[in-house]
Amino acid sequence: MDLKQYQSLIKKIYFKKDSKRGLDKTFNWFIEEIGELSRAIRKGNKEKIKEEFADCCAWLLSVGSILGIDAEQAMRKYAKGCPKCGSIPCECRENRIRDS
């Protein structure tokens, strides 16, 4: 599946429930999932990391659907490389400093 198909699937599964919950509470669930991903990364459990990564993606796609954002269209921002320098890989000065 591509990103558009995944967003459509997540929307079919959760949009009614997430819309009823509202943007703020749904976004908070997304943030909680990021915390769970962080804990899994710290523990180094590869299987748990994959599960939590998928959960984060699903919640982010759901937030996007509530906001009326097409995730695939939004990601076009990166289609030609770094939005700031246009390079692949990024050659922005702040990234070179951070990577050093």
Protein backbone atom coordinates (compact mmCIF):
# COMPACT_ATOMS: atom_id res chain seq x y z
CA MET A 1 0.00 0.00 0.00
CA ASP A 2 1.06 3.59 -0.53
CA LEU A 3 0.60 6.45 1.94
CA LYS A 4 -2.75 7.52 0.45
CA GLN A 5 -4.08 3.97 0.81
CA TYR A 6 -2.90 3.72 4.42
CA GLN A 7 -4.54 7.04 5.28
CA SER A 8 -7.75 5.85 3.65
CA LEU A 9 -7.63 2.57 5.62
CA ILE A 10 -6.99 4.32 8.95
CA LYS A 11 -9.80 6.74 8.14
CA LYS A 12 -12.19 3.84 7.46
CA ILE A 13 -11.21 2.18 10.74
CA TYR A 14 -11.05 5.18 13.11
CA PHE A 15 -12.40 8.43 11.59
CA LYS A 16 -15.86 8.22 13.15
CA LYS A 17 -14.46 7.47 16.61
CA ASP A 18 -11.61 9.98 16.37
CA SER A 19 -13.85 12.76 15.02
CA LYS A 20 -16.26 12.21 17.90
CA ARG A 21 -13.33 12.34 20.35
CA GLY A 22 -12.17 15.59 18.74
CA LEU A 23 -8.89 16.93 17.45
CA ASP A 24 -7.33 17.84 20.81
CA LYS A 25 -7.93 14.45 22.43
CA THR A 26 -6.96 12.54 19.29
CA PHE A 27 -3.76 14.58 19.05
CA ASN A 28 -3.05 13.78 22.71
CA TRP A 29 -3.35 10.05 21.91
CA PHE A 30 -0.80 10.59 19.13
CA ILE A 31 1.56 12.25 21.62
CA GLU A 32 1.11 9.32 24.04
CA GLU A 33 2.08 6.94 21.25
CA ILE A 34 5.25 8.96 20.63
CA GLY A 35 6.08 8.48 24.31
CA GLU A 36 5.55 4.74 23.97
CA LEU A 37 7.83 4.70 20.91
CA SER A 38 10.45 6.60 22.88
CA ARG A 39 10.33 4.05 25.70
CA ALA A 40 10.59 1.15 23.23
CA ILE A 41 13.63 2.78 21.59
CA ARG A 42 15.31 3.27 24.98
CA LYS A 43 14.72 -0.40 25.82
CA GLY A 44 15.99 -1.50 22.40
CA ASN A 45 13.13 -3.92 21.79
CA LYS A 46 12.98 -4.09 17.96
CA GLU A 47 9.55 -5.73 17.79
CA LYS A 48 8.01 -3.22 20.21
CA ILE A 49 9.69 -0.37 18.31
CA LYS A 50 8.02 -1.54 15.07
CA GLU A 51 4.63 -1.79 16.80
CA GLU A 52 4.88 1.66 18.36
CA PHE A 53 6.18 3.18 15.11
CA ALA A 54 3.10 1.82 13.31
CA ASP A 55 0.85 3.19 16.06
CA CYS A 56 2.45 6.64 15.73
CA CYS A 57 1.94 6.58 11.96
CA ALA A 58 -1.69 5.52 12.34
CA TRP A 59 -2.48 8.24 14.89
CA LEU A 60 -0.73 10.90 12.80
CA LEU A 61 -2.71 9.86 9.73
CA SER A 62 -5.89 10.04 11.79
CA VAL A 63 -5.02 13.54 12.99
CA GLY A 64 -4.39 14.49 9.37
CA SER A 65 -7.77 13.13 8.33
CA ILE A 66 -9.55 15.11 11.04
CA LEU A 67 -7.75 18.23 9.79
CA GLY A 68 -8.57 17.43 6.16
CA ILE A 69 -4.91 16.93 5.25
CA ASP A 70 -3.99 14.49 2.49
CA ALA A 71 -0.78 12.96 3.87
CA GLU A 72 0.55 11.97 0.46
CA GLN A 73 0.03 15.47 -0.89
CA ALA A 74 1.61 17.00 2.23
CA MET A 75 4.70 14.81 1.84
CA ARG A 76 5.31 16.25 -1.62
CA LYS A 77 7.15 18.92 0.33
CA TYR A 78 10.08 16.46 0.41
CA ALA A 79 9.75 15.01 -3.11
CA LYS A 80 12.75 16.90 -4.48
CA GLY A 81 14.90 16.65 -1.38
CA CYS A 82 15.40 18.92 1.61
CA PRO A 83 12.85 21.75 1.42
CA LYS A 84 15.52 24.23 2.57
CA CYS A 85 18.61 23.33 0.52
CA GLY A 86 17.03 21.05 -2.12
CA SER A 87 19.73 18.42 -1.67
CA ILE A 88 19.57 14.67 -1.16
CA PRO A 89 21.04 14.09 1.39
CA CYS A 90 20.42 17.38 3.13
CA GLU A 91 23.38 19.75 3.13
CA CYS A 92 21.92 22.44 5.39
CA ARG A 93 24.52 23.89 7.74
CA GLU A 94 22.57 23.04 10.93
CA ASN A 95 22.46 19.36 9.96
CA ARG A 96 26.20 19.20 9.34
CA ILE A 97 26.82 20.69 12.79
CA ARG A 98 24.36 18.32 14.47
CA ASP A 99 25.81 15.26 12.70
CA SER A 100 29.41 16.13 13.66
